[in-house]
Protein backbone atom coordinates (compact mmCIF):
# COMPACT_ATOMS: atom_id res chain seq x y z
CA UNK A 1 5.39 27.82 1.20
CA UNK A 2 6.16 25.70 3.71
CA UNK A 3 9.68 24.34 3.42
CA UNK A 4 9.89 20.61 3.60
CA UNK A 5 13.50 19.96 4.81
CA UNK A 6 13.02 16.09 4.62
CA UNK A 7 11.30 15.83 1.49
CA UNK A 8 13.99 18.01 -0.08
CA UNK A 9 16.74 15.68 1.34
CA UNK A 10 15.15 12.51 -0.23
CA UNK A 11 14.73 14.40 -3.49
CA UNK A 12 18.35 15.09 -3.53
CA UNK A 13 19.77 12.06 -1.85
CA UNK A 14 22.08 11.02 -4.53
CA UNK A 15 23.85 14.40 -5.00
CA UNK A 16 27.20 15.22 -3.42
CA UNK A 17 26.12 18.98 -2.14
CA UNK A 18 22.61 17.72 -1.11
CA UNK A 19 23.31 19.46 2.54
CA UNK A 20 24.51 22.77 1.03
CA UNK A 21 21.59 22.73 -1.38
CA UNK A 22 19.25 22.19 1.60
CA UNK A 23 20.80 24.98 3.23
CA UNK A 24 20.87 27.06 0.23
CA UNK A 25 17.03 26.56 -0.53
CA UNK A 26 16.40 27.87 3.22
CA UNK A 27 17.73 30.95 1.97
CA UNK A 28 15.62 31.00 -0.94
CA UNK A 29 12.54 30.56 0.97
CA UNK A 30 13.57 33.42 3.24
CA UNK A 31 14.12 35.74 0.55
CA UNK A 32 11.43 34.44 -1.80
CA UNK A 33 8.86 32.99 0.37
CA UNK A 34 6.32 32.39 -2.62
CA UNK A 35 8.80 30.20 -4.66
CA UNK A 36 8.01 26.45 -5.22
CA UNK A 37 10.91 24.36 -6.45
CA UNK A 38 10.88 21.03 -8.38
CA UNK A 39 13.49 18.91 -10.01
CA UNK A 40 13.61 17.47 -13.66
CA UNK A 41 15.97 16.11 -16.02
CA UNK A 42 16.62 18.45 -19.13
CA UNK A 43 17.95 17.22 -22.58
CA UNK A 44 20.10 19.74 -24.42
CA UNK A 45 20.89 20.42 -28.02
CA UNK A 46 23.89 18.65 -27.66
CA UNK A 47 21.87 15.34 -26.58
CA UNK A 48 23.32 15.64 -23.05
CA UNK A 49 21.01 15.49 -20.13
CA UNK A 50 21.35 17.38 -16.75
CA UNK A 51 19.34 17.08 -13.64
CA UNK A 52 18.04 20.83 -12.93
CA UNK A 53 16.53 22.49 -9.70
CA UNK A 54 13.59 24.53 -11.13
CA UNK A 55 11.58 27.49 -9.57
CA UNK A 56 8.44 28.75 -9.97
CA UNK A 57 6.74 32.04 -8.84
CA UNK A 58 7.28 35.65 -9.12
CA UNK A 59 9.28 38.29 -7.65
CA UNK A 60 8.24 41.92 -7.79
CA UNK A 61 10.80 44.18 -9.06
CA UNK A 62 11.13 47.78 -10.46
CA UNK A 63 11.75 48.54 -14.34
CA UNK A 64 11.81 52.23 -15.20
CA UNK A 65 10.06 53.43 -12.08
CA UNK A 66 7.26 50.91 -12.48
CA UNK A 67 6.70 47.94 -10.40
CA UNK A 68 6.64 44.45 -12.39
CA UNK A 69 6.45 40.92 -11.77
CA UNK A 70 9.20 38.82 -13.02
CA UNK A 71 8.37 35.28 -13.60
CA UNK A 72 10.81 32.81 -12.43
CA UNK A 73 10.25 29.96 -14.77
CA UNK A 74 9.89 32.22 -17.95
CA UNK A 75 13.39 33.32 -17.04
CA UNK A 76 14.87 30.22 -16.77
CA UNK A 77 15.81 30.25 -12.77
CA UNK A 78 17.22 26.93 -12.29
CA UNK A 79 20.62 25.47 -11.17
CA UNK A 80 22.39 22.31 -12.38
CA UNK A 81 22.92 19.51 -9.71
CA UNK A 82 26.47 18.30 -9.56
CA UNK A 83 26.63 14.46 -9.14
CA UNK A 84 29.53 12.54 -7.56
CA UNK A 85 32.21 12.26 -8.09
CA UNK A 86 31.96 15.37 -10.22
CA UNK A 87 33.44 18.79 -8.79
CA UNK A 88 30.58 21.34 -8.99
CA UNK A 89 30.19 23.62 -12.04
CA UNK A 90 29.91 27.58 -11.82
CA UNK A 91 26.31 27.14 -11.24
CA UNK A 92 26.27 23.83 -9.55
CA UNK A 93 25.05 23.61 -6.27
CA UNK A 94 27.82 25.03 -3.88
CA UNK A 95 28.52 26.76 -0.69
CA UNK A 96 28.52 30.58 -2.13
CA UNK A 97 24.86 31.47 -2.27
CA UNK A 98 24.54 29.91 -5.74
CA UNK A 99 20.97 29.65 -5.88
CA UNK A 100 20.23 32.94 -4.33
CA UNK A 101 22.93 34.56 -6.32
CA UNK A 102 21.42 33.18 -9.39
CA UNK A 103 18.05 34.66 -8.54
CA UNK A 104 19.50 37.80 -7.78
CA UNK A 105 21.53 37.76 -11.01
CA UNK A 106 18.16 37.34 -12.89
CA UNK A 107 16.85 40.26 -10.86
CA UNK A 108 19.68 42.44 -11.99
CA UNK A 109 19.10 41.26 -15.67
CA UNK A 110 15.44 42.48 -15.60
CA UNK A 111 16.62 45.92 -14.42
CA UNK A 112 18.61 46.14 -17.65
CA UNK A 113 16.37 44.85 -20.09
CA UNK A 114 12.58 44.11 -20.51
CA UNK A 115 11.42 40.60 -19.57
CA UNK A 116 11.17 38.28 -22.77
CA UNK A 117 7.35 38.03 -22.57
CA UNK A 118 7.34 42.06 -22.86
CA UNK A 119 9.49 42.33 -26.02
CA UNK A 120 7.29 42.76 -28.95
CA UNK A 121 8.07 39.95 -31.66
CA UNK A 122 9.38 42.65 -34.21
CA UNK A 123 12.33 43.37 -31.88
CA UNK A 124 13.77 40.25 -32.74
CA UNK A 125 17.41 41.43 -31.94
CA UNK A 126 16.52 42.10 -28.09
CA UNK A 127 14.82 38.58 -28.04
CA UNK A 128 17.79 36.76 -29.24
CA UNK A 129 20.25 38.62 -26.80
CA UNK A 130 17.93 37.60 -23.82
CA UNK A 131 17.42 34.29 -24.79
CA UNK A 132 21.15 33.83 -25.24
CA UNK A 133 21.65 35.15 -21.51
CA UNK A 134 19.31 32.78 -20.52
CA UNK A 135 20.99 29.90 -22.30
CA UNK A 136 24.36 31.01 -20.67
CA UNK A 137 22.76 30.40 -17.30
CA UNK A 138 21.31 27.38 -18.12
CA UNK A 139 24.83 26.09 -19.08
CA UNK A 140 26.28 27.12 -16.16
CA UNK A 141 27.95 30.32 -17.21
CA UNK A 142 27.37 33.84 -15.64
CA UNK A 143 28.24 36.96 -17.33
CA UNK A 144 26.64 39.37 -15.02
CA UNK A 145 29.09 41.08 -12.51
CA UNK A 146 28.08 40.45 -9.01
CA UNK A 147 28.66 44.16 -8.00
CA UNK A 148 25.67 45.07 -10.12
CA UNK A 149 23.37 43.38 -7.61
CA UNK A 150 25.40 44.85 -4.66
CA UNK A 151 24.94 48.33 -5.89
CA UNK A 152 20.98 47.49 -6.82
CA UNK A 153 20.66 46.56 -3.13
CA UNK A 154 22.35 49.67 -1.98
CA UNK A 155 19.48 51.64 -3.60
CA UNK A 156 16.67 49.38 -2.14
CA UNK A 157 14.34 50.72 0.48
CA UNK A 158 15.16 51.87 3.65
CA UNK A 159 13.49 49.34 6.16
CA UNK A 160 13.16 49.62 9.84
CA UNK A 161 12.04 47.27 12.56
CA UNK A 162 10.48 47.96 15.95
CA UNK A 163 10.47 44.96 18.29
CA UNK A 164 7.73 45.49 20.87
CA UNK A 165 4.01 46.97 20.87
CA UNK A 166 4.36 48.67 24.31
CA UNK A 167 4.47 52.40 24.77
CA UNK A 168 8.21 52.65 23.94
CA UNK A 169 7.73 50.69 20.60
CA UNK A 170 4.48 53.06 19.83
CA UNK A 171 6.60 55.94 20.42
CA UNK A 172 9.67 54.84 18.18
CA UNK A 173 7.29 53.97 15.51
CA UNK A 174 5.57 57.36 15.64
CA UNK A 175 8.77 59.25 15.76
CA UNK A 176 10.39 57.46 13.03
CA UNK A 177 7.31 57.50 11.00
CA UNK A 178 7.11 61.42 11.59
CA UNK A 179 10.75 62.04 10.58
CA UNK A 180 10.06 60.12 7.17
CA UNK A 181 13.28 58.05 7.81
CA UNK A 182 12.01 54.74 6.94
CA UNK A 183 10.41 53.87 3.40
CA UNK A 184 9.08 50.78 5.07
CA UNK A 185 8.36 50.69 9.13
CA UNK A 186 7.49 47.14 10.54
CA UNK A 187 6.26 47.14 14.10
CA UNK A 188 6.24 43.62 15.60
CA UNK A 189 3.73 43.34 18.34
CA UNK A 190 4.40 39.87 20.23
CA UNK A 191 2.27 40.48 22.62
CA UNK A 192 -0.99 38.23 23.17
CA UNK A 193 -4.22 39.55 21.58
CA UNK A 194 -4.56 43.17 20.59
CA UNK A 195 -3.50 46.22 22.51
CA UNK A 196 -5.07 49.29 22.04
CA UNK A 197 -2.36 51.21 20.71
CA UNK A 198 -1.24 48.89 18.01
CA UNK A 199 -4.85 48.43 16.80
CA UNK A 200 -5.21 51.96 16.70
CA UNK A 201 -2.13 52.15 14.57
CA UNK A 202 -4.06 49.81 12.16
CA UNK A 203 -7.18 51.70 12.31
CA UNK A 204 -5.91 54.77 11.53
CA UNK A 205 -3.40 53.39 8.64
CA UNK A 206 -0.05 55.37 9.02
CA UNK A 207 1.76 55.48 5.61
CA UNK A 208 4.22 52.78 5.00
CA UNK A 209 3.88 51.33 8.75
CA UNK A 210 3.18 47.26 8.95
CA UNK A 211 2.01 45.96 12.14
CA UNK A 212 2.97 42.24 12.35
CA UNK A 213 3.48 39.13 15.10
CA UNK A 214 5.61 37.31 12.37
CA UNK A 215 9.38 37.75 12.79
CA UNK A 216 9.84 37.32 9.16
CA UNK A 217 8.35 40.37 8.24
CA UNK A 218 11.32 42.00 9.58
CA UNK A 219 13.59 40.69 6.89
CA UNK A 220 16.14 42.92 5.15
CA UNK A 221 15.75 45.69 7.91
CA UNK A 222 18.36 48.28 8.09
CA UNK A 223 17.98 48.84 11.51
CA UNK A 224 15.97 46.66 14.24
CA UNK A 225 15.05 48.53 17.51
CA UNK A 226 14.32 46.35 20.56
CA UNK A 227 12.05 47.91 22.89
CA UNK A 228 10.54 44.94 24.66
CA UNK A 229 10.87 44.26 28.33
CA UNK A 230 9.72 41.23 30.42
CA UNK A 231 9.28 42.49 33.97
CA UNK A 232 8.57 38.97 35.63
CA UNK A 233 6.78 37.91 38.73
CA UNK A 234 9.72 37.81 40.84
CA UNK A 235 11.07 40.96 43.11
CA UNK A 236 14.78 40.07 42.56
CA UNK A 237 16.45 42.34 40.31
CA UNK A 238 18.60 39.52 38.93
CA UNK A 239 15.30 37.45 38.34
CA UNK A 240 13.81 40.44 36.25
CA UNK A 241 17.06 40.90 34.07
CA UNK A 242 17.18 37.00 33.46
CA UNK A 243 13.51 37.01 32.32
CA UNK A 244 14.45 39.61 29.81
CA UNK A 245 17.38 37.68 28.89
CA UNK A 246 15.43 34.44 28.34
CA UNK A 247 12.83 36.78 26.10
CA UNK A 248 16.19 37.72 24.17
CA UNK A 249 17.08 34.30 23.64
CA UNK A 250 14.27 33.45 21.37
CA UNK A 251 14.07 36.77 19.68
CA UNK A 252 17.68 37.84 18.92
CA UNK A 253 18.89 35.11 16.94
CA UNK A 254 16.09 35.00 14.55
CA UNK A 255 15.96 38.71 14.17
CA UNK A 256 19.46 38.47 13.50
CA UNK A 257 19.07 36.03 10.85
CA UNK A 258 16.25 37.98 8.93
CA UNK A 259 18.46 41.05 8.69
CA UNK A 260 21.78 39.61 8.72
CA UNK A 261 23.51 43.23 7.83
CA UNK A 262 21.41 45.27 10.21
CA UNK A 263 22.30 47.47 12.86
CA UNK A 264 20.72 46.27 16.19
CA UNK A 265 19.55 49.18 18.28
CA UNK A 266 18.86 48.38 22.01
CA UNK A 267 16.62 50.40 23.92
CA UNK A 268 15.27 47.61 26.42
CA UNK A 269 16.30 48.03 30.02
CA UNK A 270 19.02 47.66 31.61
CA UNK A 271 20.28 48.97 28.24
CA UNK A 272 24.01 48.14 29.21
CA UNK A 273 23.33 44.71 30.12
CA UNK A 274 20.65 43.69 27.26
CA UNK A 275 22.97 45.45 24.60
CA UNK A 276 25.76 43.19 25.84
CA UNK A 277 23.15 40.15 25.74
CA UNK A 278 22.19 41.11 22.21
CA UNK A 279 25.75 41.25 21.29
CA UNK A 280 26.45 37.91 22.37
CA UNK A 281 23.19 36.29 21.03
CA UNK A 282 23.37 37.49 17.85
CA UNK A 283 27.13 36.95 17.06
CA UNK A 284 27.33 40.38 15.07
CA UNK A 285 30.54 42.40 15.18
CA UNK A 286 30.07 44.85 18.17
CA UNK A 287 29.94 48.03 16.12
CA UNK A 288 26.51 46.95 14.89
CA UNK A 289 25.03 46.20 18.21
CA UNK A 290 24.30 49.45 20.07
CA UNK A 291 22.25 50.65 23.15
CA UNK A 292 20.61 54.01 23.31
CA UNK A 293 22.69 54.71 26.29
CA UNK A 294 22.93 58.39 27.25
CA UNK A 295 22.01 59.95 24.08
CA UNK A 296 18.88 61.54 25.09
CA UNK A 297 20.67 62.91 28.32
CA UNK A 298 23.55 64.34 25.99
CA UNK A 299 21.10 66.01 23.62
CA UNK A 300 19.11 67.46 26.58
CA UNK A 301 22.69 68.97 28.44
CA UNK A 302 24.01 70.39 25.09
CA UNK A 303 20.51 72.06 24.77
CA UNK A 304 20.46 73.27 28.20
CA UNK A 305 24.01 74.59 27.92
CA UNK A 306 23.41 76.57 24.71
CA UNK A 307 19.82 77.69 24.99
CA UNK A 308 18.87 77.84 29.00
CA UNK A 309 22.16 78.88 30.45
CA UNK A 310 23.34 80.86 27.26
CA UNK A 311 26.81 80.01 27.66
CA UNK A 312 29.51 81.27 25.27
CA UNK A 313 30.09 77.48 24.16
CA UNK A 314 28.40 75.47 21.43
CA UNK A 315 27.62 72.82 23.82
CA UNK A 316 28.22 70.27 21.29
CA UNK A 317 31.74 69.24 22.95
CA UNK A 318 29.67 68.14 26.24
CA UNK A 319 28.61 64.66 26.74
CA UNK A 320 26.83 62.51 29.27
CA UNK A 321 28.63 59.29 29.18
CA UNK A 322 28.85 55.88 31.31
CA UNK A 323 26.05 54.07 32.50
CA UNK A 324 22.46 55.09 32.20
CA UNK A 325 21.02 56.45 35.46
CA UNK A 326 22.43 58.10 38.42
CA UNK A 327 26.03 56.82 37.60
CA UNK A 328 26.20 58.77 34.60
CA UNK A 329 29.01 61.21 33.81
CA UNK A 330 29.41 64.42 32.34
CA UNK A 331 32.60 65.35 30.31
CA UNK A 332 33.70 67.37 27.59
CA UNK A 333 35.64 66.01 23.92
CA UNK A 334 37.24 69.02 23.06
CA UNK A 335 39.56 72.06 23.81
CA UNK A 336 37.34 74.74 25.13
CA UNK A 337 38.32 78.38 25.40
CA UNK A 338 36.74 78.44 29.24
CA UNK A 339 38.68 78.22 32.01
CA UNK A 340 38.51 75.03 34.06
CA UNK A 341 36.63 76.57 36.99
CA UNK A 342 34.16 78.01 34.63
CA UNK A 343 33.50 74.74 33.06
CA UNK A 344 33.17 73.06 36.37
CA UNK A 345 30.47 75.50 37.44
CA UNK A 346 28.70 75.40 34.13
CA UNK A 347 28.68 71.64 34.08
CA UNK A 348 27.33 71.29 37.77
CA UNK A 349 24.66 73.87 37.00
CA UNK A 350 23.75 71.82 33.72
CA UNK A 351 23.44 68.89 35.73
CA UNK A 352 21.21 70.24 37.91
CA UNK A 353 18.58 71.02 35.63
CA UNK A 354 19.16 67.82 33.58
CA UNK A 355 18.25 65.78 36.71
CA UNK A 356 14.79 67.17 37.02
CA UNK A 357 14.15 66.14 33.36
CA UNK A 358 12.25 62.74 33.41
CA UNK A 359 12.53 60.28 30.50
CA UNK A 360 9.15 59.42 29.16
CA UNK A 361 8.68 57.27 26.19
CA UNK A 362 7.81 59.80 23.73
CA UNK A 363 11.27 61.53 24.61
CA UNK A 364 12.94 58.15 24.17
CA UNK A 365 11.15 57.71 20.98
CA UNK A 366 12.40 60.88 19.48
CA UNK A 367 16.20 60.10 20.66
CA UNK A 368 15.66 56.62 19.11
CA UNK A 369 14.57 58.37 15.76
CA UNK A 370 17.51 61.04 15.77
CA UNK A 371 19.73 57.74 15.87
CA UNK A 372 18.08 55.76 13.29
CA UNK A 373 18.40 58.70 11.23
CA UNK A 374 22.14 58.87 11.52
CA UNK A 375 22.45 55.11 10.72
CA UNK A 376 20.09 54.69 7.80
CA UNK A 377 21.26 57.88 6.11
CA UNK A 378 24.75 57.40 7.05
CA UNK A 379 24.87 60.92 8.46
CA UNK A 380 28.39 60.40 10.52
CA UNK A 381 26.87 62.36 13.43
CA UNK A 382 28.15 61.84 16.93
CA UNK A 383 25.81 60.08 19.69
CA UNK A 384 26.47 58.85 22.99
CA UNK A 385 25.54 55.59 22.92
CA UNK A 386 26.30 52.26 24.66
CA UNK A 387 29.08 50.46 22.89
CA UNK A 388 31.52 47.92 23.74
CA UNK A 389 33.72 49.80 26.33
CA UNK A 390 36.81 47.28 26.76
CA UNK A 391 39.96 49.07 25.99
CA UNK A 392 38.82 52.24 26.85
CA UNK A 393 39.54 54.05 30.09
CA UNK A 394 41.70 50.89 31.40
CA UNK A 395 38.40 48.92 31.02
CA UNK A 396 39.42 45.39 30.52
CA UNK A 397 35.89 43.62 30.68
CA UNK A 398 33.58 42.96 28.12
CA UNK A 399 30.85 45.50 29.13
CA UNK A 400 28.94 48.05 27.18
CA UNK A 401 28.99 51.65 28.27
CA UNK A 402 27.90 55.08 26.94
CA UNK A 403 30.74 56.69 24.82
CA UNK A 404 30.35 59.42 22.11
CA UNK A 405 30.53 57.59 18.79
CA UNK A 406 29.99 58.21 15.26
CA UNK A 407 27.16 56.74 13.74
CA UNK A 408 26.37 55.73 10.16
CA UNK A 409 25.16 52.87 7.93
CA UNK A 410 27.56 50.24 9.78
CA UNK A 411 26.97 51.44 13.25
CA UNK A 412 29.50 52.64 15.13
CA UNK A 413 32.78 53.78 13.04
CA UNK A 414 34.74 55.56 15.47
CA UNK A 415 34.80 56.18 19.44
CA UNK A 416 35.65 59.77 19.92
CA UNK A 417 38.24 60.38 22.84
CA UNK A 418 37.21 62.95 25.44
CA UNK A 419 39.31 65.28 27.39
CA UNK A 420 39.66 63.91 30.54
CA UNK A 421 40.94 66.34 33.32
CA UNK A 422 39.75 64.51 36.56
CA UNK A 423 40.60 61.06 37.43
CA UNK A 424 37.47 60.60 38.97
CA UNK A 425 35.86 60.29 35.46
CA UNK A 426 37.83 57.36 34.84
CA UNK A 427 37.14 55.66 38.22
CA UNK A 428 33.44 56.31 38.01
CA UNK A 429 33.35 54.48 34.27
CA UNK A 430 35.60 51.60 35.82
CA UNK A 431 33.22 51.20 38.71
CA UNK A 432 30.21 51.01 36.58
CA UNK A 433 32.11 48.63 34.43
CA UNK A 434 32.92 46.44 37.27
CA UNK A 435 29.29 46.30 38.77
CA UNK A 436 27.87 45.45 35.33
CA UNK A 437 30.45 42.80 34.70
CA UNK A 438 29.60 41.20 38.08
CA UNK A 439 25.66 41.15 37.21
CA UNK A 440 26.38 39.80 33.72
CA UNK A 441 28.34 36.87 35.21
CA UNK A 442 25.33 35.66 36.90
CA UNK A 443 23.14 35.68 34.04
CA UNK A 444 22.23 32.59 32.24
CA UNK A 445 22.97 32.94 28.36
């Protein structure tokens, strides 16, 4: 439905918590866009009269393994409106997601009991119980434990959104789909018209993949992946980066609003700066804003050491960290049995082989899918990703650099300390941080 803020303000003009109610109903509109609301005065058994905000519409919910439609009106989804100067009651309109919470409680109740209209008339006891519950909700009393909905939400579908219908966006979509990570995968194609690749995805209908131009299609994603790049028309590097920033200024707050508990994964370039920009624009905690960093290089290097050079080491302790590109740094994160000389020789040979490996879109897509798998399935796996580096290696500015991080459902849960045997590693990281920070200061955020 189209949300009419001004009409709603007029409707609720005499009530104390009008503005809070408007904000709450915006949330209802985001979560349940097909709901319609109205207001009426109800007369209860004790002859008292109360103004209630009512909802009509249906919610698809799961019951005993089957999807069913829960009708809002038949389940008594309405909230009491508090008039001044009375304080708000439990179900009065107040700033704690009351209306959204009420709807969620009703959905949780649906999971436990068949809806009233589905209960046979012969089952009078169950009808009485459900009617009693609805009566309590009507009177402003709730007996549902809020944890029941939290547990239900934790069991909901794994939804992932890829932002950008270019080659990298398509590569990420195909890789994530192939690994079967997401129950629902949304590809936001923000380009004008219909590009060949996204059109082909629609034609050949990949399972669980939805293509949309509507940002709201991303709502409730666990991971939102940014692959978009605005190359701009200027030859100035600063101008090109600024054009990306301008595009993100429109995208990030909206997508962050639709998926407030998601992890934002940045593949747009330059990844360190765009991760910083996303962090600032989203106002998310730093652990939930991650850049793809040097993950692909690290995975390749570990493979080269173990399978190409056949070294007597697992290779899992070797990481490429720092700034993506020519200034990346190789380091070891654990105590190895190799001598320092052998370690240096092995590192140099591995880096030579790594340098000839280009990063194609499909390669990055596979790397992104691996990170998404670690996040969505809470694998606690270590990846070299762009994270807030302030406080590490004597870096004192707010910059994002690639460091070995444990990834899980909340993003970065821990940064792994590496074993530094050369001061040059810290110097390189500090040099990268300084140059990145200098460019960030020139951007208009």
